[in-house]
Amino acid sequence: MPERTVTVASSVGLHARPASLFAQAASKTGVAVTLTSAKGKSVNAASILGVLSLGIGHAEEVTLSADGDGADAALDTLSELLATDLDKV
Protein backbone atom coordinates (compact mmCIF):
# COMPACT_ATOMS: atom_id res chain seq x y z
CA MET A 1 0.00 0.00 0.00
CA PRO A 2 1.58 3.32 -1.06
CA GLU A 3 2.10 5.97 1.61
CA ARG A 4 3.28 9.58 1.77
CA THR A 5 4.38 11.52 4.86
CA VAL A 6 3.70 15.24 4.57
CA THR A 7 4.12 18.31 6.76
CA VAL A 8 0.93 20.40 6.90
CA ALA A 9 1.69 23.89 5.57
CA SER A 10 -1.57 25.70 6.36
CA SER A 11 -1.02 28.25 9.12
CA VAL A 12 -4.09 27.03 11.04
CA GLY A 13 -3.46 23.36 10.30
CA LEU A 14 -6.29 21.21 9.03
CA HIS A 15 -9.16 23.22 10.48
CA ALA A 16 -12.26 24.69 8.82
CA ARG A 17 -11.49 25.77 5.26
CA PRO A 18 -8.22 23.82 4.73
CA ALA A 19 -9.82 20.63 6.08
CA SER A 20 -12.82 21.12 3.81
CA LEU A 21 -10.67 21.66 0.71
CA PHE A 22 -8.57 18.61 1.56
CA ALA A 23 -11.56 16.32 2.23
CA GLN A 24 -13.24 17.42 -1.02
CA ALA A 25 -10.05 16.72 -2.98
CA ALA A 26 -9.70 13.30 -1.33
CA SER A 27 -13.28 12.47 -2.26
CA LYS A 28 -12.70 13.49 -5.89
CA THR A 29 -9.76 11.08 -6.31
CA GLY A 30 -12.11 8.09 -6.39
CA VAL A 31 -9.61 6.20 -4.23
CA ALA A 32 -10.05 5.26 -0.57
CA VAL A 33 -7.44 7.41 1.20
CA THR A 34 -6.57 7.19 4.89
CA LEU A 35 -5.15 10.15 6.82
CA THR A 36 -3.12 9.29 9.92
CA SER A 37 -1.96 11.83 12.50
CA ALA A 38 1.44 11.76 14.18
CA LYS A 39 -0.39 10.39 17.24
CA GLY A 40 -1.43 7.33 15.22
CA LYS A 41 -5.17 8.02 14.83
CA SER A 42 -6.50 7.27 11.33
CA VAL A 43 -9.59 8.52 9.50
CA ASN A 44 -11.09 8.45 6.02
CA ALA A 45 -9.47 11.44 4.29
CA ALA A 46 -12.72 12.20 2.43
CA SER A 47 -14.60 12.74 5.71
CA ILE A 48 -14.53 16.40 6.78
CA LEU A 49 -15.61 15.44 10.31
CA GLY A 50 -12.92 12.77 10.47
CA VAL A 51 -10.23 15.19 9.31
CA LEU A 52 -11.34 17.83 11.81
CA SER A 53 -11.42 15.26 14.63
CA LEU A 54 -7.67 14.70 14.29
CA GLY A 55 -6.94 18.28 15.37
CA ILE A 56 -3.90 18.54 13.09
CA GLY A 57 -2.00 21.79 13.52
CA HIS A 58 0.46 23.78 11.43
CA ALA A 59 3.77 22.00 10.69
CA GLU A 60 2.52 18.63 11.99
CA GLU A 61 3.43 15.54 10.02
CA VAL A 62 0.67 13.31 8.71
CA THR A 63 0.71 10.11 6.71
CA LEU A 64 -1.52 9.46 3.73
CA SER A 65 -2.12 5.93 2.49
CA ALA A 66 -4.27 4.51 -0.26
CA ASP A 67 -4.87 1.26 -2.04
CA GLY A 68 -6.08 0.41 -5.52
CA ASP A 69 -5.84 1.76 -9.03
CA GLY A 70 -4.66 5.36 -9.07
CA ALA A 71 -3.42 5.29 -5.46
CA ASP A 72 -0.01 6.79 -6.25
CA ALA A 73 -1.47 9.63 -8.31
CA ALA A 74 -4.08 10.37 -5.62
CA LEU A 75 -1.42 10.46 -2.91
CA ASP A 76 0.80 12.74 -4.99
CA THR A 77 -2.07 15.18 -5.54
CA LEU A 78 -3.16 15.18 -1.89
CA SER A 79 0.41 15.46 -0.61
CA GLU A 80 0.97 18.52 -2.76
CA LEU A 81 -2.26 20.02 -1.44
CA LEU A 82 -1.22 19.52 2.20
CA ALA A 83 2.21 21.02 1.49
CA THR A 84 0.46 24.21 0.30
CA ASP A 85 -0.83 26.92 2.63
CA LEU A 86 -4.53 26.42 1.93
CA ASP A 87 -5.40 29.55 3.88
CA LYS A 88 -4.04 31.58 0.95
CA VAL A 89 -5.75 29.68 -1.85
PDB file of N, CA and C in Angstrom:
ATOM      1  N   MET A   1       0.852  -1.179   0.000  1.00  0.00           N
ATOM      2  CA  MET A   1       0.000   0.000   0.000  1.00  0.00           C
ATOM      3  C   MET A   1       0.898   1.242   0.000  1.00  0.00           C
ATOM      4  N   PRO A   2       0.763   2.100  -0.996  1.00  0.00           N
ATOM      5  CA  PRO A   2       1.578   3.323  -1.060  1.00  0.00           C
ATOM      6  C   PRO A   2       1.248   4.288   0.079  1.00  0.00           C
ATOM      7  N   GLU A   3       2.270   4.980   0.549  1.00  0.00           N
ATOM      8  CA  GLU A   3       2.103   5.973   1.612  1.00  0.00           C
ATOM      9  C   GLU A   3       2.928   7.208   1.295  1.00  0.00           C
ATOM     10  N   ARG A   4       2.524   8.331   1.851  1.00  0.00           N
ATOM     11  CA  ARG A   4       3.283   9.581   1.775  1.00  0.00           C
ATOM     12  C   ARG A   4       3.224  10.238   3.152  1.00  0.00           C
ATOM     13  N   THR A   5       4.353  10.742   3.626  1.00  0.00           N
ATOM     14  CA  THR A   5       4.384  11.520   4.859  1.00  0.00           C
ATOM     15  C   THR A   5       4.591  12.969   4.460  1.00  0.00           C
ATOM     16  N   VAL A   6       3.731  13.839   4.990  1.00  0.00           N
ATOM     17  CA  VAL A   6       3.699  15.238   4.574  1.00  0.00           C
ATOM     18  C   VAL A   6       3.621  16.134   5.807  1.00  0.00           C
ATOM     19  N   THR A   7       4.249  17.296   5.715  1.00  0.00           N
ATOM     20  CA  THR A   7       4.120  18.310   6.758  1.00  0.00           C
ATOM     21  C   THR A   7       3.037  19.290   6.334  1.00  0.00           C
ATOM     22  N   VAL A   8       2.067  19.515   7.202  1.00  0.00           N
ATOM     23  CA  VAL A   8       0.933  20.400   6.900  1.00  0.00           C
ATOM     24  C   VAL A   8       1.409  21.850   6.882  1.00  0.00           C
ATOM     25  N   ALA A   9       1.195  22.520   5.763  1.00  0.00           N
ATOM     26  CA  ALA A   9       1.692  23.890   5.573  1.00  0.00           C
ATOM     27  C   ALA A   9       0.709  24.972   6.003  1.00  0.00           C
ATOM     28  N   SER A  10      -0.582  24.674   6.026  1.00  0.00           N
ATOM     29  CA  SER A  10      -1.574  25.705   6.364  1.00  0.00           C
ATOM     30  C   SER A  10      -1.310  26.273   7.756  1.00  0.00           C
ATOM     31  N   SER A  11      -1.365  27.586   7.865  1.00  0.00           N
ATOM     32  CA  SER A  11      -1.016  28.250   9.116  1.00  0.00           C
ATOM     33  C   SER A  11      -1.949  27.894  10.272  1.00  0.00           C
ATOM     34  N   VAL A  12      -3.165  27.450   9.989  1.00  0.00           N
ATOM     35  CA  VAL A  12      -4.085  27.025  11.041  1.00  0.00           C
ATOM     36  C   VAL A  12      -4.205  25.507  11.101  1.00  0.00           C
ATOM     37  N   GLY A  13      -3.372  24.820  10.351  1.00  0.00           N
ATOM     38  CA  GLY A  13      -3.461  23.363  10.304  1.00  0.00           C
ATOM     39  C   GLY A  13      -4.659  22.921   9.486  1.00  0.00           C
ATOM     40  N   LEU A  14      -5.136  21.728   9.769  1.00  0.00           N
ATOM     41  CA  LEU A  14      -6.293  21.205   9.028  1.00  0.00           C
ATOM     42  C   LEU A  14      -7.570  21.497   9.797  1.00  0.00           C
ATOM     43  N   HIS A  15      -7.950  22.764   9.815  1.00  0.00           N
ATOM     44  CA  HIS A  15      -9.162  23.215  10.480  1.00  0.00           C
ATOM     45  C   HIS A  15      -9.995  23.998   9.475  1.00  0.00           C
ATOM     46  N   ALA A  16     -11.296  23.932   9.631  1.00  0.00           N
ATOM     47  CA  ALA A  16     -12.256  24.686   8.824  1.00  0.00           C
ATOM     48  C   ALA A  16     -11.983  24.607   7.318  1.00  0.00           C
ATOM     49  N   ARG A  17     -11.630  25.710   6.713  1.00  0.00           N
ATOM     50  CA  ARG A  17     -11.488  25.769   5.259  1.00  0.00           C
ATOM     51  C   ARG A  17     -10.426  24.800   4.712  1.00  0.00           C
ATOM     52  N   PRO A  18      -9.208  24.765   5.261  1.00  0.00           N
ATOM     53  CA  PRO A  18      -8.216  23.822   4.731  1.00  0.00           C
ATOM     54  C   PRO A  18      -8.682  22.360   4.829  1.00  0.00           C
ATOM     55  N   ALA A  19      -9.334  22.004   5.919  1.00  0.00           N
ATOM     56  CA  ALA A  19      -9.822  20.628   6.075  1.00  0.00           C
ATOM     57  C   ALA A  19     -10.898  20.320   5.043  1.00  0.00           C
ATOM     58  N   SER A  20     -11.761  21.294   4.792  1.00  0.00           N
ATOM     59  CA  SER A  20     -12.820  21.117   3.809  1.00  0.00           C
ATOM     60  C   SER A  20     -12.248  20.929   2.404  1.00  0.00           C
ATOM     61  N   LEU A  21     -11.301  21.784   2.039  1.00  0.00           N
ATOM     62  CA  LEU A  21     -10.667  21.662   0.714  1.00  0.00           C
ATOM     63  C   LEU A  21      -9.965  20.317   0.560  1.00  0.00           C
ATOM     64  N   PHE A  22      -9.280  19.891   1.611  1.00  0.00           N
ATOM     65  CA  PHE A  22      -8.568  18.614   1.561  1.00  0.00           C
ATOM     66  C   PHE A  22      -9.541  17.442   1.439  1.00  0.00           C
ATOM     67  N   ALA A  23     -10.587  17.415   2.260  1.00  0.00           N
ATOM     68  CA  ALA A  23     -11.558  16.315   2.227  1.00  0.00           C
ATOM     69  C   ALA A  23     -12.265  16.251   0.872  1.00  0.00           C
ATOM     70  N   GLN A  24     -12.599  17.394   0.300  1.00  0.00           N
ATOM     71  CA  GLN A  24     -13.240  17.420  -1.016  1.00  0.00           C
ATOM     72  C   GLN A  24     -12.293  16.843  -2.081  1.00  0.00           C
ATOM     73  N   ALA A  25     -11.029  17.234  -2.017  1.00  0.00           N
ATOM     74  CA  ALA A  25     -10.050  16.723  -2.978  1.00  0.00           C
ATOM     75  C   ALA A  25      -9.867  15.215  -2.817  1.00  0.00           C
ATOM     76  N   ALA A  26      -9.846  14.746  -1.583  1.00  0.00           N
ATOM     77  CA  ALA A  26      -9.701  13.303  -1.327  1.00  0.00           C
ATOM     78  C   ALA A  26     -10.891  12.543  -1.896  1.00  0.00           C
ATOM     79  N   SER A  27     -12.073  13.102  -1.739  1.00  0.00           N
ATOM     80  CA  SER A  27     -13.281  12.473  -2.262  1.00  0.00           C
ATOM     81  C   SER A  27     -13.249  12.386  -3.788  1.00  0.00           C
ATOM     82  N   LYS A  28     -12.736  13.429  -4.429  1.00  0.00           N
ATOM     83  CA  LYS A  28     -12.701  13.488  -5.892  1.00  0.00           C
ATOM     84  C   LYS A  28     -11.701  12.516  -6.518  1.00  0.00           C
ATOM     85  N   THR A  29     -10.762  11.998  -5.741  1.00  0.00           N
ATOM     86  CA  THR A  29      -9.763  11.081  -6.308  1.00  0.00           C
ATOM     87  C   THR A  29     -10.377   9.753  -6.719  1.00  0.00           C
ATOM     88  N   GLY A  30     -11.496   9.376  -6.087  1.00  0.00           N
ATOM     89  CA  GLY A  30     -12.111   8.094  -6.395  1.00  0.00           C
ATOM     90  C   GLY A  30     -11.371   6.923  -5.773  1.00  0.00           C
ATOM     91  N   VAL A  31     -10.419   7.216  -4.895  1.00  0.00           N
ATOM     92  CA  VAL A  31      -9.614   6.195  -4.229  1.00  0.00           C
ATOM     93  C   VAL A  31      -9.844   6.333  -2.730  1.00  0.00           C
ATOM     94  N   ALA A  32      -9.916   5.212  -2.026  1.00  0.00           N
ATOM     95  CA  ALA A  32     -10.050   5.262  -0.569  1.00  0.00           C
ATOM     96  C   ALA A  32      -8.708   5.677   0.026  1.00  0.00           C
ATOM     97  N   VAL A  33      -8.667   6.858   0.632  1.00  0.00           N
ATOM     98  CA  VAL A  33      -7.437   7.410   1.201  1.00  0.00           C
ATOM     99  C   VAL A  33      -7.604   7.518   2.709  1.00  0.00           C
ATOM    100  N   THR A  34      -6.579   7.104   3.433  1.00  0.00           N
ATOM    101  CA  THR A  34      -6.575   7.195   4.887  1.00  0.00           C
ATOM    102  C   THR A  34      -5.579   8.262   5.317  1.00  0.00           C
ATOM    103  N   LEU A  35      -6.004   9.109   6.249  1.00  0.00           N
ATOM    104  CA  LEU A  35      -5.155  10.150   6.819  1.00  0.00           C
ATOM    105  C   LEU A  35      -4.835   9.744   8.250  1.00  0.00           C
ATOM    106  N   THR A  36      -3.545   9.697   8.583  1.00  0.00           N
ATOM    107  CA  THR A  36      -3.117   9.289   9.924  1.00  0.00           C
ATOM    108  C   THR A  36      -2.302  10.407  10.546  1.00  0.00           C
ATOM    109  N   SER A  37      -2.682  10.778  11.772  1.00  0.00           N
ATOM    110  CA  SER A  37      -1.963  11.832  12.496  1.00  0.00           C
ATOM    111  C   SER A  37      -0.670  11.273  13.080  1.00  0.00           C
ATOM    112  N   ALA A  38       0.182  12.169  13.542  1.00  0.00           N
ATOM    113  CA  ALA A  38       1.435  11.759  14.177  1.00  0.00           C
ATOM    114  C   ALA A  38       1.165  10.953  15.449  1.00  0.00           C
ATOM    115  N   LYS A  39      -0.008  11.125  16.026  1.00  0.00           N
ATOM    116  CA  LYS A  39      -0.389  10.388  17.243  1.00  0.00           C
ATOM    117  C   LYS A  39      -0.900   8.993  16.932  1.00  0.00           C
ATOM    118  N   GLY A  40      -1.039   8.677  15.623  1.00  0.00           N
ATOM    119  CA  GLY A  40      -1.434   7.333  15.220  1.00  0.00           C
ATOM    120  C   GLY A  40      -2.917   7.120  14.970  1.00  0.00           C
ATOM    121  N   LYS A  41      -3.741   8.163  15.105  1.00  0.00           N
ATOM    122  CA  LYS A  41      -5.167   8.023  14.834  1.00  0.00           C
ATOM    123  C   LYS A  41      -5.406   8.173  13.339  1.00  0.00           C
ATOM    124  N   SER A  42      -6.221   7.273  12.769  1.00  0.00           N
ATOM    125  CA  SER A  42      -6.496   7.272  11.326  1.00  0.00           C
ATOM    126  C   SER A  42      -7.968   7.527  11.042  1.00  0.00           C
ATOM    127  N   VAL A  43      -8.221   8.251   9.945  1.00  0.00           N
ATOM    128  CA  VAL A  43      -9.586   8.522   9.496  1.00  0.00           C
ATOM    129  C   VAL A  43      -9.644   8.455   7.971  1.00  0.00           C
ATOM    130  N   ASN A  44     -10.848   8.355   7.458  1.00  0.00           N
ATOM    131  CA  ASN A  44     -11.094   8.447   6.024  1.00  0.00           C
ATOM    132  C   ASN A  44     -10.803   9.895   5.615  1.00  0.00           C
ATOM    133  N   ALA A  45      -9.878  10.095   4.693  1.00  0.00           N
ATOM    134  CA  ALA A  45      -9.474  11.445   4.290  1.00  0.00           C
ATOM    135  C   ALA A  45     -10.601  12.217   3.612  1.00  0.00           C
ATOM    136  N   ALA A  46     -11.615  11.534   3.104  1.00  0.00           N
ATOM    137  CA  ALA A  46     -12.723  12.204   2.431  1.00  0.00           C
ATOM    138  C   ALA A  46     -13.806  12.659   3.417  1.00  0.00           C
ATOM    139  N   SER A  47     -13.619  12.360   4.690  1.00  0.00           N
ATOM    140  CA  SER A  47     -14.600  12.742   5.711  1.00  0.00           C
ATOM    141  C   SER A  47     -14.158  14.030   6.396  1.00  0.00           C
ATOM    142  N   ILE A  48     -14.882  15.117   6.166  1.00  0.00           N
ATOM    143  CA  ILE A  48     -14.531  16.401   6.777  1.00  0.00           C
ATOM    144  C   ILE A  48     -14.555  16.288   8.302  1.00  0.00           C
ATOM    145  N   LEU A  49     -15.535  15.589   8.853  1.00  0.00           N
ATOM    146  CA  LEU A  49     -15.605  15.441  10.307  1.00  0.00           C
ATOM    147  C   LEU A  49     -14.440  14.610  10.828  1.00  0.00           C
ATOM    148  N   GLY A  50     -14.064  13.587  10.080  1.00  0.00           N
ATOM    149  CA  GLY A  50     -12.922  12.771  10.474  1.00  0.00           C
ATOM    150  C   GLY A  50     -11.636  13.583  10.474  1.00  0.00           C
ATOM    151  N   VAL A  51     -11.426  14.360   9.421  1.00  0.00           N
ATOM    152  CA  VAL A  51     -10.226  15.190   9.309  1.00  0.00           C
ATOM    153  C   VAL A  51     -10.174  16.204  10.449  1.00  0.00           C
ATOM    154  N   LEU A  52     -11.288  16.850  10.719  1.00  0.00           N
ATOM    155  CA  LEU A  52     -11.341  17.828  11.808  1.00  0.00           C
ATOM    156  C   LEU A  52     -11.083  17.171  13.166  1.00  0.00           C
ATOM    157  N   SER A  53     -11.564  15.947  13.333  1.00  0.00           N
ATOM    158  CA  SER A  53     -11.423  15.259  14.625  1.00  0.00           C
ATOM    159  C   SER A  53      -9.974  14.978  14.996  1.00  0.00           C
ATOM    160  N   LEU A  54      -9.085  14.970  14.006  1.00  0.00           N
ATOM    161  CA  LEU A  54      -7.673  14.703  14.290  1.00  0.00           C
ATOM    162  C   LEU A  54      -6.982  15.897  14.943  1.00  0.00           C
ATOM    163  N   GLY A  55      -7.525  17.094  14.760  1.00  0.00           N
ATOM    164  CA  GLY A  55      -6.936  18.284  15.375  1.00  0.00           C
ATOM    165  C   GLY A  55      -5.511  18.548  14.920  1.00  0.00           C
ATOM    166  N   ILE A  56      -5.253  18.377  13.643  1.00  0.00           N
ATOM    167  CA  ILE A  56      -3.901  18.537  13.093  1.00  0.00           C
ATOM    168  C   ILE A  56      -3.558  20.015  12.960  1.00  0.00           C
ATOM    169  N   GLY A  57      -2.436  20.403  13.542  1.00  0.00           N
ATOM    170  CA  GLY A  57      -1.999  21.793  13.517  1.00  0.00           C
ATOM    171  C   GLY A  57      -0.945  22.066  12.464  1.00  0.00           C
ATOM    172  N   HIS A  58      -0.577  23.332  12.366  1.00  0.00           N
ATOM    173  CA  HIS A  58       0.460  23.778  11.431  1.00  0.00           C
ATOM    174  C   HIS A  58       1.771  23.049  11.713  1.00  0.00           C
ATOM    175  N   ALA A  59       2.446  22.637  10.658  1.00  0.00           N
ATOM    176  CA  ALA A  59       3.766  21.996  10.687  1.00  0.00           C
ATOM    177  C   ALA A  59       3.760  20.595  11.300  1.00  0.00           C
ATOM    178  N   GLU A  60       2.594  20.014  11.515  1.00  0.00           N
ATOM    179  CA  GLU A  60       2.524  18.629  11.986  1.00  0.00           C
ATOM    180  C   GLU A  60       2.670  17.689  10.800  1.00  0.00           C
ATOM    181  N   GLU A  61       3.289  16.549  11.057  1.00  0.00           N
ATOM    182  CA  GLU A  61       3.430  15.536  10.016  1.00  0.00           C
ATOM    183  C   GLU A  61       2.235  14.601  10.049  1.00  0.00           C
ATOM    184  N   VAL A  62       1.756  14.265   8.868  1.00  0.00           N
ATOM    185  CA  VAL A  62       0.667  13.309   8.714  1.00  0.00           C
ATOM    186  C   VAL A  62       1.091  12.285   7.671  1.00  0.00           C
ATOM    187  N   THR A  63       0.438  11.145   7.695  1.00  0.00           N
ATOM    188  CA  THR A  63       0.707  10.110   6.711  1.00  0.00           C
ATOM    189  C   THR A  63      -0.563   9.832   5.925  1.00  0.00           C
ATOM    190  N   LEU A  64      -0.429   9.816   4.624  1.00  0.00           N
ATOM    191  CA  LEU A  64      -1.520   9.465   3.727  1.00  0.00           C
ATOM    192  C   LEU A  64      -1.250   8.078   3.172  1.00  0.00           C
ATOM    193  N   SER A  65      -2.264   7.244   3.105  1.00  0.00           N
ATOM    194  CA  SER A  65      -2.118   5.932   2.493  1.00  0.00           C
ATOM    195  C   SER A  65      -3.358   5.640   1.660  1.00  0.00           C
ATOM    196  N   ALA A  66      -3.161   4.859   0.628  1.00  0.00           N
ATOM    197  CA  ALA A  66      -4.273   4.509  -0.262  1.00  0.00           C
ATOM    198  C   ALA A  66      -3.983   3.168  -0.908  1.00  0.00           C
ATOM    199  N   ASP A  67      -5.023   2.549  -1.401  1.00  0.00           N
ATOM    200  CA  ASP A  67      -4.874   1.256  -2.039  1.00  0.00           C
ATOM    201  C   ASP A  67      -5.764   1.217  -3.274  1.00  0.00           C
ATOM    202  N   GLY A  68      -5.274   0.571  -4.317  1.00  0.00           N
ATOM    203  CA  GLY A  68      -6.081   0.411  -5.520  1.00  0.00           C
ATOM    204  C   GLY A  68      -5.521   1.174  -6.706  1.00  0.00           C
ATOM    205  N   ASP A  69      -6.236   1.074  -7.815  1.00  0.00           N
ATOM    206  CA  ASP A  69      -5.837   1.764  -9.034  1.00  0.00           C
ATOM    207  C   ASP A  69      -5.845   3.271  -8.820  1.00  0.00           C
ATOM    208  N   GLY A  70      -4.761   3.917  -9.188  1.00  0.00           N
ATOM    209  CA  GLY A  70      -4.663   5.355  -9.067  1.00  0.00           C
ATOM    210  C   GLY A  70      -4.211   5.832  -7.696  1.00  0.00           C
ATOM    211  N   ALA A  71      -3.806   4.916  -6.820  1.00  0.00           N
ATOM    212  CA  ALA A  71      -3.421   5.291  -5.458  1.00  0.00           C
ATOM    213  C   ALA A  71      -2.227   6.240  -5.450  1.00  0.00           C
ATOM    214  N   ASP A  72      -1.206   5.938  -6.240  1.00  0.00           N
ATOM    215  CA  ASP A  72      -0.011   6.792  -6.251  1.00  0.00           C
ATOM    216  C   ASP A  72      -0.328   8.200  -6.732  1.00  0.00           C
ATOM    217  N   ALA A  73      -1.109   8.307  -7.782  1.00  0.00           N
ATOM    218  CA  ALA A  73      -1.472   9.625  -8.306  1.00  0.00           C
ATOM    219  C   ALA A  73      -2.313  10.395  -7.292  1.00  0.00           C
ATOM    220  N   ALA A  74      -3.237   9.712  -6.633  1.00  0.00           N
ATOM    221  CA  ALA A  74      -4.078  10.367  -5.625  1.00  0.00           C
ATOM    222  C   ALA A  74      -3.220  10.871  -4.473  1.00  0.00           C
ATOM    223  N   LEU A  75      -2.284  10.056  -4.016  1.00  0.00           N
ATOM    224  CA  LEU A  75      -1.424  10.464  -2.908  1.00  0.00           C
ATOM    225  C   LEU A  75      -0.513  11.621  -3.299  1.00  0.00           C
ATOM    226  N   ASP A  76      -0.031  11.616  -4.530  1.00  0.00           N
ATOM    227  CA  ASP A  76       0.801  12.736  -4.993  1.00  0.00           C
ATOM    228  C   ASP A  76       0.007  14.044  -4.980  1.00  0.00           C
ATOM    229  N   THR A  77      -1.212  13.989  -5.486  1.00  0.00           N
ATOM    230  CA  THR A  77      -2.072  15.177  -5.536  1.00  0.00           C
ATOM    231  C   THR A  77      -2.392  15.688  -4.135  1.00  0.00           C
ATOM    232  N   LEU A  78      -2.777  14.782  -3.250  1.00  0.00           N
ATOM    233  CA  LEU A  78      -3.158  15.181  -1.892  1.00  0.00           C
ATOM    234  C   LEU A  78      -1.956  15.640  -1.079  1.00  0.00           C
ATOM    235  N   SER A  79      -0.806  15.039  -1.305  1.00  0.00           N
ATOM    236  CA  SER A  79       0.412  15.458  -0.610  1.00  0.00           C
ATOM    237  C   SER A  79       0.785  16.884  -0.994  1.00  0.00           C
ATOM    238  N   GLU A  80       0.676  17.171  -2.273  1.00  0.00           N
ATOM    239  CA  GLU A  80       0.970  18.522  -2.762  1.00  0.00           C
ATOM    240  C   GLU A  80       0.001  19.536  -2.151  1.00  0.00           C
ATOM    241  N   LEU A  81      -1.254  19.140  -2.024  1.00  0.00           N
ATOM    242  CA  LEU A  81      -2.257  20.020  -1.444  1.00  0.00           C
ATOM    243  C   LEU A  81      -1.926  20.337   0.023  1.00  0.00           C
ATOM    244  N   LEU A  82      -1.555  19.316   0.795  1.00  0.00           N
ATOM    245  CA  LEU A  82      -1.223  19.520   2.205  1.00  0.00           C
ATOM    246  C   LEU A  82       0.054  20.359   2.379  1.00  0.00           C
ATOM    247  N   ALA A  83       0.941  20.269   1.419  1.00  0.00           N
ATOM    248  CA  ALA A  83       2.206  21.016   1.487  1.00  0.00           C
ATOM    249  C   ALA A  83       2.029  22.465   1.046  1.00  0.00           C
ATOM    250  N   THR A  84       0.793  22.846   0.723  1.00  0.00           N
ATOM    251  CA  THR A  84       0.457  24.206   0.303  1.00  0.00           C
ATOM    252  C   THR A  84      -0.301  24.905   1.427  1.00  0.00           C
ATOM    253  N   ASP A  85      -0.072  26.185   1.623  1.00  0.00           N
ATOM    254  CA  ASP A  85      -0.826  26.921   2.626  1.00  0.00           C
ATOM    255  C   ASP A  85      -2.221  27.178   2.081  1.00  0.00           C
ATOM    256  N   LEU A  86      -3.162  26.352   2.470  1.00  0.00           N
ATOM    257  CA  LEU A  86      -4.530  26.422   1.928  1.00  0.00           C
ATOM    258  C   LEU A  86      -5.301  27.627   2.434  1.00  0.00           C
ATOM    259  N   ASP A  87      -4.756  28.339   3.407  1.00  0.00           N
ATOM    260  CA  ASP A  87      -5.397  29.553   3.885  1.00  0.00           C
ATOM    261  C   ASP A  87      -5.253  30.683   2.869  1.00  0.00           C
ATOM    262  N   LYS A  88      -4.312  30.532   1.937  1.00  0.00           N
ATOM    263  CA  LYS A  88      -4.041  31.580   0.954  1.00  0.00           C
ATOM    264  C   LYS A  88      -4.524  31.221  -0.437  1.00  0.00           C
ATOM    265  N   VAL A  89      -5.267  30.128  -0.544  1.00  0.00           N
ATOM    266  CA  VAL A  89      -5.753  29.676  -1.848  1.00  0.00           C
ATOM    267  C   VAL A  89      -7.120  30.255  -2.107  1.00  0.00           C
TER     268      VAL A  89
END
